[in-house]
Amino acid sequence: MALMVGACSTTPSTPVAGPGEYVVQPGDTLYRIAQRSGRTTAEIARWNQIKDPDQLEAGQVLRVVPPGGATAAPTPPPRSSGGSGGSTTEKARPAPAPRERDPVVPPASRRSDWGWPSQGAVIAGFNGNSNKGLDIGGSSGEPVHAIGAGSVAATETMRGYGSVIMVDHGGSYMSIYTNVAKVGVKQGQRVQRGQKIAEIGPAEGSGRARLHFEIRYRGKAVDPRLYLPAK
């Protein structure tokens, strides 16, 4: 209801995002905002004192960089050691505005504290474009497990993906499980490696039942096979 009101009502002034800020749009979730800004849901929630992620409202202005990160005064350019004619020009020239750096994908490293989300064979691999993760074959009703300890960042339904679970593992890592059914966890819940969080959902159309699984670092998809135990 809050989103509908925010989307349909008109106000004398439209919220405008300043440096390092983002205006919540109808249908936004904390995870989607964090993904766009290259941050984690925990960081966005902490910087904005968000206690309940379900209470986001369209038009709400959120900080998406660390406090002071977008407003800190830039370092002035060094003075020229040459003649005075050049130094006057340098002092008058404004320093460039700070720019958010693109997410950096860490070197791939297998994690001893992570395991596979399901036991099936990989039927479609990561390529970074048409497939941002892995498709793991299975049968409808087979268990889906958390790959490691973390906190459930979101449980929602997304068009084309069915039911989706997102788990924040800290360190800017997020695991995503889509096309699941009988979701057994809720937002904010702590989970452990190997804990059953859902079941593989039914196949769409005449296709084969499968789990679509992703690992993201700072919102950028990485190849899960480089981080999970060899299989």
C-alpha atoms as a PDB file:
ATOM      1  CA  MET A   1       0.000   0.000   0.000  1.00  0.00           C
ATOM      2  CA  ALA A   2       2.810   2.398   0.841  1.00  0.00           C
ATOM      3  CA  LEU A   3       4.373   1.786  -2.563  1.00  0.00           C
ATOM      4  CA  MET A   4       1.051   2.351  -4.349  1.00  0.00           C
ATOM      5  CA  VAL A   5       0.466   5.601  -2.522  1.00  0.00           C
ATOM      6  CA  GLY A   6       3.994   6.754  -3.236  1.00  0.00           C
ATOM      7  CA  ALA A   7       3.672   5.922  -6.909  1.00  0.00           C
ATOM      8  CA  CYS A   8       0.249   7.436  -7.547  1.00  0.00           C
ATOM      9  CA  SER A   9       0.179  10.561  -5.402  1.00  0.00           C
ATOM     10  CA  THR A  10       1.634  13.893  -6.467  1.00  0.00           C
ATOM     11  CA  THR A  11       3.528  16.216  -4.207  1.00  0.00           C
ATOM     12  CA  PRO A  12       4.638  19.825  -4.607  1.00  0.00           C
ATOM     13  CA  SER A  13       8.263  18.749  -4.922  1.00  0.00           C
ATOM     14  CA  THR A  14       9.765  15.564  -6.303  1.00  0.00           C
ATOM     15  CA  PRO A  15      12.558  14.026  -4.198  1.00  0.00           C
ATOM     16  CA  VAL A  16      15.950  14.579  -5.789  1.00  0.00           C
ATOM     17  CA  ALA A  17      18.971  12.420  -4.994  1.00  0.00           C
ATOM     18  CA  GLY A  18      22.116  14.258  -3.995  1.00  0.00           C
ATOM     19  CA  PRO A  19      25.667  12.933  -4.301  1.00  0.00           C
ATOM     20  CA  GLY A  20      25.846   9.401  -2.939  1.00  0.00           C
ATOM     21  CA  GLU A  21      22.054   9.119  -2.602  1.00  0.00           C
ATOM     22  CA  TYR A  22      19.288   7.149  -4.323  1.00  0.00           C
ATOM     23  CA  VAL A  23      15.537   7.789  -4.574  1.00  0.00           C
ATOM     24  CA  VAL A  24      13.496   4.613  -3.978  1.00  0.00           C
ATOM     25  CA  GLN A  25      11.320   3.701  -6.975  1.00  0.00           C
ATOM     26  CA  PRO A  26       8.045   1.732  -6.909  1.00  0.00           C
ATOM     27  CA  GLY A  27       8.837  -1.979  -6.654  1.00  0.00           C
ATOM     28  CA  ASP A  28      12.382  -1.475  -5.350  1.00  0.00           C
ATOM     29  CA  THR A  29      13.742  -3.834  -2.707  1.00  0.00           C
ATOM     30  CA  LEU A  30      16.748  -3.289  -0.489  1.00  0.00           C
ATOM     31  CA  TYR A  31      18.615  -6.026  -2.344  1.00  0.00           C
ATOM     32  CA  ARG A  32      18.000  -4.461  -5.760  1.00  0.00           C
ATOM     33  CA  ILE A  33      19.163  -1.059  -4.519  1.00  0.00           C
ATOM     34  CA  ALA A  34      22.294  -2.602  -3.009  1.00  0.00           C
ATOM     35  CA  GLN A  35      22.967  -4.511  -6.237  1.00  0.00           C
ATOM     36  CA  ARG A  36      22.720  -1.359  -8.366  1.00  0.00           C
ATOM     37  CA  SER A  37      25.043   0.583  -6.085  1.00  0.00           C
ATOM     38  CA  GLY A  38      27.609  -2.197  -5.643  1.00  0.00           C
ATOM     39  CA  ARG A  39      26.948  -2.436  -1.898  1.00  0.00           C
ATOM     40  CA  THR A  40      25.497  -5.022   0.480  1.00  0.00           C
ATOM     41  CA  THR A  41      22.026  -4.879   1.979  1.00  0.00           C
ATOM     42  CA  ALA A  42      23.587  -4.724   5.449  1.00  0.00           C
ATOM     43  CA  GLU A  43      25.578  -1.606   4.516  1.00  0.00           C
ATOM     44  CA  ILE A  44      22.578   0.211   3.028  1.00  0.00           C
ATOM     45  CA  ALA A  45      20.455  -0.694   6.059  1.00  0.00           C
ATOM     46  CA  ARG A  46      23.132   0.483   8.507  1.00  0.00           C
ATOM     47  CA  TRP A  47      23.821   3.809   6.774  1.00  0.00           C
ATOM     48  CA  ASN A  48      20.085   4.604   6.692  1.00  0.00           C
ATOM     49  CA  GLN A  49      19.086   3.095  10.082  1.00  0.00           C
ATOM     50  CA  ILE A  50      16.637   0.754   8.347  1.00  0.00           C
ATOM     51  CA  LYS A  51      15.170  -1.696  10.843  1.00  0.00           C
ATOM     52  CA  ASP A  52      12.543  -3.275   8.586  1.00  0.00           C
ATOM     53  CA  PRO A  53      13.553  -3.600   4.880  1.00  0.00           C
ATOM     54  CA  ASP A  54       9.905  -4.253   3.968  1.00  0.00           C
ATOM     55  CA  GLN A  55       9.001  -0.679   4.934  1.00  0.00           C
ATOM     56  CA  LEU A  56      10.768   1.053   2.019  1.00  0.00           C
ATOM     57  CA  GLU A  57       8.564   3.680   0.396  1.00  0.00           C
ATOM     58  CA  ALA A  58       8.657   5.106  -3.120  1.00  0.00           C
ATOM     59  CA  GLY A  59      10.253   8.548  -2.990  1.00  0.00           C
ATOM     60  CA  GLN A  60      12.365   7.747   0.069  1.00  0.00           C
ATOM     61  CA  VAL A  61      15.935   9.037  -0.281  1.00  0.00           C
ATOM     62  CA  LEU A  62      18.644   6.575   0.790  1.00  0.00           C
ATOM     63  CA  ARG A  63      22.379   6.979   1.225  1.00  0.00           C
ATOM     64  CA  VAL A  64      24.236   4.422  -0.913  1.00  0.00           C
ATOM     65  CA  VAL A  65      27.831   5.373  -0.056  1.00  0.00           C
ATOM     66  CA  PRO A  66      29.493   5.453   3.372  1.00  0.00           C
ATOM     67  CA  PRO A  67      28.638   8.563   5.419  1.00  0.00           C
ATOM     68  CA  GLY A  68      30.977  11.298   4.229  1.00  0.00           C
ATOM     69  CA  GLY A  69      32.014   9.272   1.194  1.00  0.00           C
ATOM     70  CA  ALA A  70      30.207  11.485  -1.308  1.00  0.00           C
ATOM     71  CA  THR A  71      30.357  14.785   0.516  1.00  0.00           C
ATOM     72  CA  ALA A  72      33.902  14.869   1.800  1.00  0.00           C
ATOM     73  CA  ALA A  73      35.888  17.779   0.399  1.00  0.00           C
ATOM     74  CA  PRO A  74      38.227  16.660  -2.361  1.00  0.00           C
ATOM     75  CA  THR A  75      41.948  17.115  -1.867  1.00  0.00           C
ATOM     76  CA  PRO A  76      43.025  20.411  -3.500  1.00  0.00           C
ATOM     77  CA  PRO A  77      45.507  20.141  -6.363  1.00  0.00           C
ATOM     78  CA  PRO A  78      49.125  20.825  -5.448  1.00  0.00           C
ATOM     79  CA  ARG A  79      50.384  24.342  -6.078  1.00  0.00           C
ATOM     80  CA  SER A  80      52.595  24.823  -9.071  1.00  0.00           C
ATOM     81  CA  SER A  81      56.230  25.474  -8.252  1.00  0.00           C
ATOM     82  CA  GLY A  82      56.580  27.572 -11.390  1.00  0.00           C
ATOM     83  CA  GLY A  83      55.725  31.231 -12.014  1.00  0.00           C
ATOM     84  CA  SER A  84      52.725  32.970 -10.509  1.00  0.00           C
ATOM     85  CA  GLY A  85      50.873  33.072 -13.833  1.00  0.00           C
ATOM     86  CA  GLY A  86      50.303  29.315 -13.794  1.00  0.00           C
ATOM     87  CA  SER A  87      49.462  29.016 -10.084  1.00  0.00           C
ATOM     88  CA  THR A  88      46.481  31.402 -10.280  1.00  0.00           C
ATOM     89  CA  THR A  89      44.866  29.234 -12.952  1.00  0.00           C
ATOM     90  CA  GLU A  90      45.457  26.054 -10.958  1.00  0.00           C
ATOM     91  CA  LYS A  91      43.873  27.461  -7.787  1.00  0.00           C
ATOM     92  CA  ALA A  92      40.765  28.618  -9.643  1.00  0.00           C
ATOM     93  CA  ARG A  93      40.183  25.275 -11.362  1.00  0.00           C
ATOM     94  CA  PRO A  94      37.666  23.133  -9.391  1.00  0.00           C
ATOM     95  CA  ALA A  95      38.806  19.690  -8.367  1.00  0.00           C
ATOM     96  CA  PRO A  96      36.951  16.793 -10.046  1.00  0.00           C
ATOM     97  CA  ALA A  97      34.043  15.347  -8.072  1.00  0.00           C
ATOM     98  CA  PRO A  98      34.791  12.030  -6.356  1.00  0.00           C
ATOM     99  CA  ARG A  99      33.573   9.049  -8.345  1.00  0.00           C
ATOM    100  CA  GLU A 100      32.426   5.699  -7.073  1.00  0.00           C
ATOM    101  CA  ARG A 101      34.805   2.990  -8.241  1.00  0.00           C
ATOM    102  CA  ASP A 102      33.408   0.017 -10.098  1.00  0.00           C
ATOM    103  CA  PRO A 103      33.007  -3.178  -8.062  1.00  0.00           C
ATOM    104  CA  VAL A 104      36.216  -5.176  -8.037  1.00  0.00           C
ATOM    105  CA  VAL A 105      35.863  -8.931  -8.305  1.00  0.00           C
ATOM    106  CA  PRO A 106      38.297 -10.644  -5.917  1.00  0.00           C
ATOM    107  CA  PRO A 107      40.585 -13.417  -7.092  1.00  0.00           C
ATOM    108  CA  ALA A 108      38.694 -16.686  -7.278  1.00  0.00           C
ATOM    109  CA  SER A 109      39.350 -18.863  -4.260  1.00  0.00           C
ATOM    110  CA  ARG A 110      37.638 -22.044  -3.163  1.00  0.00           C
ATOM    111  CA  ARG A 111      35.913 -21.627   0.167  1.00  0.00           C
ATOM    112  CA  SER A 112      36.310 -24.387   2.735  1.00  0.00           C
ATOM    113  CA  ASP A 113      33.298 -22.989   4.604  1.00  0.00           C
ATOM    114  CA  TRP A 114      30.932 -23.241   1.610  1.00  0.00           C
ATOM    115  CA  GLY A 115      29.207 -26.237   0.040  1.00  0.00           C
ATOM    116  CA  TRP A 116      26.973 -26.897  -2.965  1.00  0.00           C
ATOM    117  CA  PRO A 117      23.311 -25.837  -2.746  1.00  0.00           C
ATOM    118  CA  SER A 118      22.007 -29.089  -4.242  1.00  0.00           C
ATOM    119  CA  GLN A 119      23.333 -32.474  -5.311  1.00  0.00           C
ATOM    120  CA  GLY A 120      22.388 -32.442  -8.990  1.00  0.00           C
ATOM    121  CA  ALA A 121      24.690 -32.098 -11.973  1.00  0.00           C
ATOM    122  CA  VAL A 122      25.422 -28.700 -13.519  1.00  0.00           C
ATOM    123  CA  ILE A 123      23.386 -28.535 -16.733  1.00  0.00           C
ATOM    124  CA  ALA A 124      24.188 -24.926 -17.704  1.00  0.00           C
ATOM    125  CA  GLY A 125      27.317 -23.101 -16.675  1.00  0.00           C
ATOM    126  CA  PHE A 126      28.274 -19.510 -15.907  1.00  0.00           C
ATOM    127  CA  ASN A 127      29.258 -17.286 -18.833  1.00  0.00           C
ATOM    128  CA  GLY A 128      28.757 -13.832 -17.324  1.00  0.00           C
ATOM    129  CA  ASN A 129      26.254 -12.771 -19.979  1.00  0.00           C
ATOM    130  CA  SER A 130      23.223 -14.953 -20.688  1.00  0.00           C
ATOM    131  CA  ASN A 131      23.860 -17.004 -17.547  1.00  0.00           C
ATOM    132  CA  LYS A 132      25.007 -15.179 -14.400  1.00  0.00           C
ATOM    133  CA  GLY A 133      25.256 -18.386 -12.387  1.00  0.00           C
ATOM    134  CA  LEU A 134      24.718 -22.135 -12.640  1.00  0.00           C
ATOM    135  CA  ASP A 135      21.668 -24.207 -13.517  1.00  0.00           C
ATOM    136  CA  ILE A 136      21.738 -27.364 -11.422  1.00  0.00           C
ATOM    137  CA  GLY A 137      19.510 -30.235 -12.482  1.00  0.00           C
ATOM    138  CA  GLY A 138      17.216 -32.052 -10.118  1.00  0.00           C
ATOM    139  CA  SER A 139      13.669 -33.094  -9.427  1.00  0.00           C
ATOM    140  CA  SER A 140      10.855 -31.009  -8.081  1.00  0.00           C
ATOM    141  CA  GLY A 141      10.851 -31.248  -4.288  1.00  0.00           C
ATOM    142  CA  GLU A 142      14.564 -31.975  -3.826  1.00  0.00           C
ATOM    143  CA  PRO A 143      16.131 -29.930  -0.989  1.00  0.00           C
ATOM    144  CA  VAL A 144      17.990 -26.663  -1.535  1.00  0.00           C
ATOM    145  CA  HIS A 145      20.676 -25.891   1.049  1.00  0.00           C
ATOM    146  CA  ALA A 146      22.410 -22.685   2.095  1.00  0.00           C
ATOM    147  CA  ILE A 147      25.985 -22.801   0.802  1.00  0.00           C
ATOM    148  CA  GLY A 148      27.327 -21.253   4.000  1.00  0.00           C
ATOM    149  CA  ALA A 149      26.534 -19.315   7.135  1.00  0.00           C
ATOM    150  CA  GLY A 150      24.809 -15.996   6.634  1.00  0.00           C
ATOM    151  CA  SER A 151      21.675 -13.921   7.009  1.00  0.00           C
ATOM    152  CA  VAL A 152      18.643 -14.122   4.710  1.00  0.00           C
ATOM    153  CA  ALA A 153      18.602 -10.771   2.912  1.00  0.00           C
ATOM    154  CA  ALA A 154      15.368 -11.317   0.979  1.00  0.00           C
ATOM    155  CA  THR A 155      12.704 -13.824   0.059  1.00  0.00           C
ATOM    156  CA  GLU A 156      10.526 -12.660  -2.801  1.00  0.00           C
ATOM    157  CA  THR A 157       8.907 -13.591  -6.093  1.00  0.00           C
ATOM    158  CA  MET A 158      10.437 -12.186  -9.275  1.00  0.00           C
ATOM    159  CA  ARG A 159       9.033 -12.426 -12.783  1.00  0.00           C
ATOM    160  CA  GLY A 160      10.908 -15.060 -14.762  1.00  0.00           C
ATOM    161  CA  TYR A 161      12.642 -16.433 -11.653  1.00  0.00           C
ATOM    162  CA  GLY A 162       9.781 -17.617  -9.453  1.00  0.00           C
ATOM    163  CA  SER A 163      10.487 -17.659  -5.735  1.00  0.00           C
ATOM    164  CA  VAL A 164      13.912 -16.269  -4.872  1.00  0.00           C
ATOM    165  CA  ILE A 165      16.049 -16.469  -1.724  1.00  0.00           C
ATOM    166  CA  MET A 166      19.076 -14.207  -1.181  1.00  0.00           C
ATOM    167  CA  VAL A 167      21.585 -14.902   1.591  1.00  0.00           C
ATOM    168  CA  ASP A 168      24.172 -12.328   2.707  1.00  0.00           C
ATOM    169  CA  HIS A 169      27.389 -14.087   3.749  1.00  0.00           C
ATOM    170  CA  GLY A 170      29.273 -10.944   4.760  1.00  0.00           C
ATOM    171  CA  GLY A 171      32.403  -9.624   3.093  1.00  0.00           C
ATOM    172  CA  SER A 172      30.226  -8.314   0.210  1.00  0.00           C
ATOM    173  CA  TYR A 173      29.275 -11.892  -0.845  1.00  0.00           C
ATOM    174  CA  MET A 174      25.680 -12.877  -1.604  1.00  0.00           C
ATOM    175  CA  SER A 175      24.249 -16.211  -2.732  1.00  0.00           C
ATOM    176  CA  ILE A 176      21.012 -16.334  -4.731  1.00  0.00           C
ATOM    177  CA  TYR A 177      18.689 -19.316  -5.191  1.00  0.00           C
ATOM    178  CA  THR A 178      15.872 -19.066  -7.772  1.00  0.00           C
ATOM    179  CA  ASN A 179      13.046 -21.295  -9.017  1.00  0.00           C
ATOM    180  CA  VAL A 180      12.540 -22.643  -5.509  1.00  0.00           C
ATOM    181  CA  ALA A 181       9.398 -23.768  -3.715  1.00  0.00           C
ATOM    182  CA  LYS A 182       8.319 -24.286  -0.107  1.00  0.00           C
ATOM    183  CA  VAL A 183      10.622 -21.556   1.178  1.00  0.00           C
ATOM    184  CA  GLY A 184      11.510 -22.450   4.771  1.00  0.00           C
ATOM    185  CA  VAL A 185      13.298 -19.259   5.866  1.00  0.00           C
ATOM    186  CA  LYS A 186      12.346 -15.632   6.279  1.00  0.00           C
ATOM    187  CA  GLN A 187      14.087 -12.319   5.868  1.00  0.00           C
ATOM    188  CA  GLY A 188      16.602 -11.574   8.613  1.00  0.00           C
ATOM    189  CA  GLN A 189      16.933 -15.213   9.694  1.00  0.00           C
ATOM    190  CA  ARG A 190      20.409 -16.632  10.306  1.00  0.00           C
ATOM    191  CA  VAL A 191      21.251 -19.816   8.402  1.00  0.00           C
ATOM    192  CA  GLN A 192      24.137 -22.272   8.530  1.00  0.00           C
ATOM    193  CA  ARG A 193      25.997 -24.190   5.855  1.00  0.00           C
ATOM    194  CA  GLY A 194      23.966 -27.153   4.658  1.00  0.00           C
ATOM    195  CA  GLN A 195      20.714 -25.940   6.232  1.00  0.00           C
ATOM    196  CA  LYS A 196      17.658 -26.699   4.098  1.00  0.00           C
ATOM    197  CA  ILE A 197      16.118 -23.389   3.032  1.00  0.00           C
ATOM    198  CA  ALA A 198      13.720 -24.495   0.286  1.00  0.00           C
ATOM    199  CA  GLU A 199      13.005 -27.130  -2.350  1.00  0.00           C
ATOM    200  CA  ILE A 200      13.594 -27.149  -6.086  1.00  0.00           C
ATOM    201  CA  GLY A 201      10.493 -25.787  -7.757  1.00  0.00           C
ATOM    202  CA  PRO A 202       8.538 -27.493 -10.520  1.00  0.00           C
ATOM    203  CA  ALA A 203       9.767 -27.287 -14.093  1.00  0.00           C
ATOM    204  CA  GLU A 204       8.265 -24.492 -16.173  1.00  0.00           C
ATOM    205  CA  GLY A 205       6.432 -25.750 -19.252  1.00  0.00           C
ATOM    206  CA  SER A 206       7.984 -28.954 -20.512  1.00  0.00           C
ATOM    207  CA  GLY A 207      11.469 -28.071 -19.297  1.00  0.00           C
ATOM    208  CA  ARG A 208      13.510 -29.958 -16.749  1.00  0.00           C
ATOM    209  CA  ALA A 209      13.265 -29.012 -13.077  1.00  0.00           C
ATOM    210  CA  ARG A 210      16.369 -27.124 -12.005  1.00  0.00           C
ATOM    211  CA  LEU A 211      17.832 -24.764  -9.443  1.00  0.00           C
ATOM    212  CA  HIS A 212      19.311 -21.542 -10.756  1.00  0.00           C
ATOM    213  CA  PHE A 213      22.086 -20.472  -8.382  1.00  0.00           C
ATOM    214  CA  GLU A 214      24.337 -17.401  -8.298  1.00  0.00           C
ATOM    215  CA  ILE A 215      27.154 -15.962  -6.199  1.00  0.00           C
ATOM    216  CA  ARG A 216      27.660 -12.199  -6.287  1.00  0.00           C
ATOM    217  CA  TYR A 217      30.451 -10.035  -4.939  1.00  0.00           C
ATOM    218  CA  ARG A 218      29.493  -6.376  -4.451  1.00  0.00           C
ATOM    219  CA  GLY A 219      26.534  -7.078  -6.723  1.00  0.00           C
ATOM    220  CA  LYS A 220      28.683  -8.484  -9.559  1.00  0.00           C
ATOM    221  CA  ALA A 221      28.082 -12.078 -10.623  1.00  0.00           C
ATOM    222  CA  VAL A 222      31.075 -14.415 -10.313  1.00  0.00           C
ATOM    223  CA  ASP A 223      31.477 -18.040 -11.423  1.00  0.00           C
ATOM    224  CA  PRO A 224      30.269 -20.188  -8.492  1.00  0.00           C
ATOM    225  CA  ARG A 225      32.433 -23.135  -9.583  1.00  0.00           C
ATOM    226  CA  LEU A 226      35.542 -21.135  -8.707  1.00  0.00           C
ATOM    227  CA  TYR A 227      34.419 -20.715  -5.086  1.00  0.00           C
ATOM    228  CA  LEU A 228      32.569 -23.943  -4.276  1.00  0.00           C
ATOM    229  CA  PRO A 229      34.316 -27.260  -3.559  1.00  0.00           C
ATOM    230  CA  ALA A 230      35.423 -29.224  -6.615  1.00  0.00           C
ATOM    231  CA  LYS A 231      32.634 -31.474  -7.841  1.00  0.00           C
END
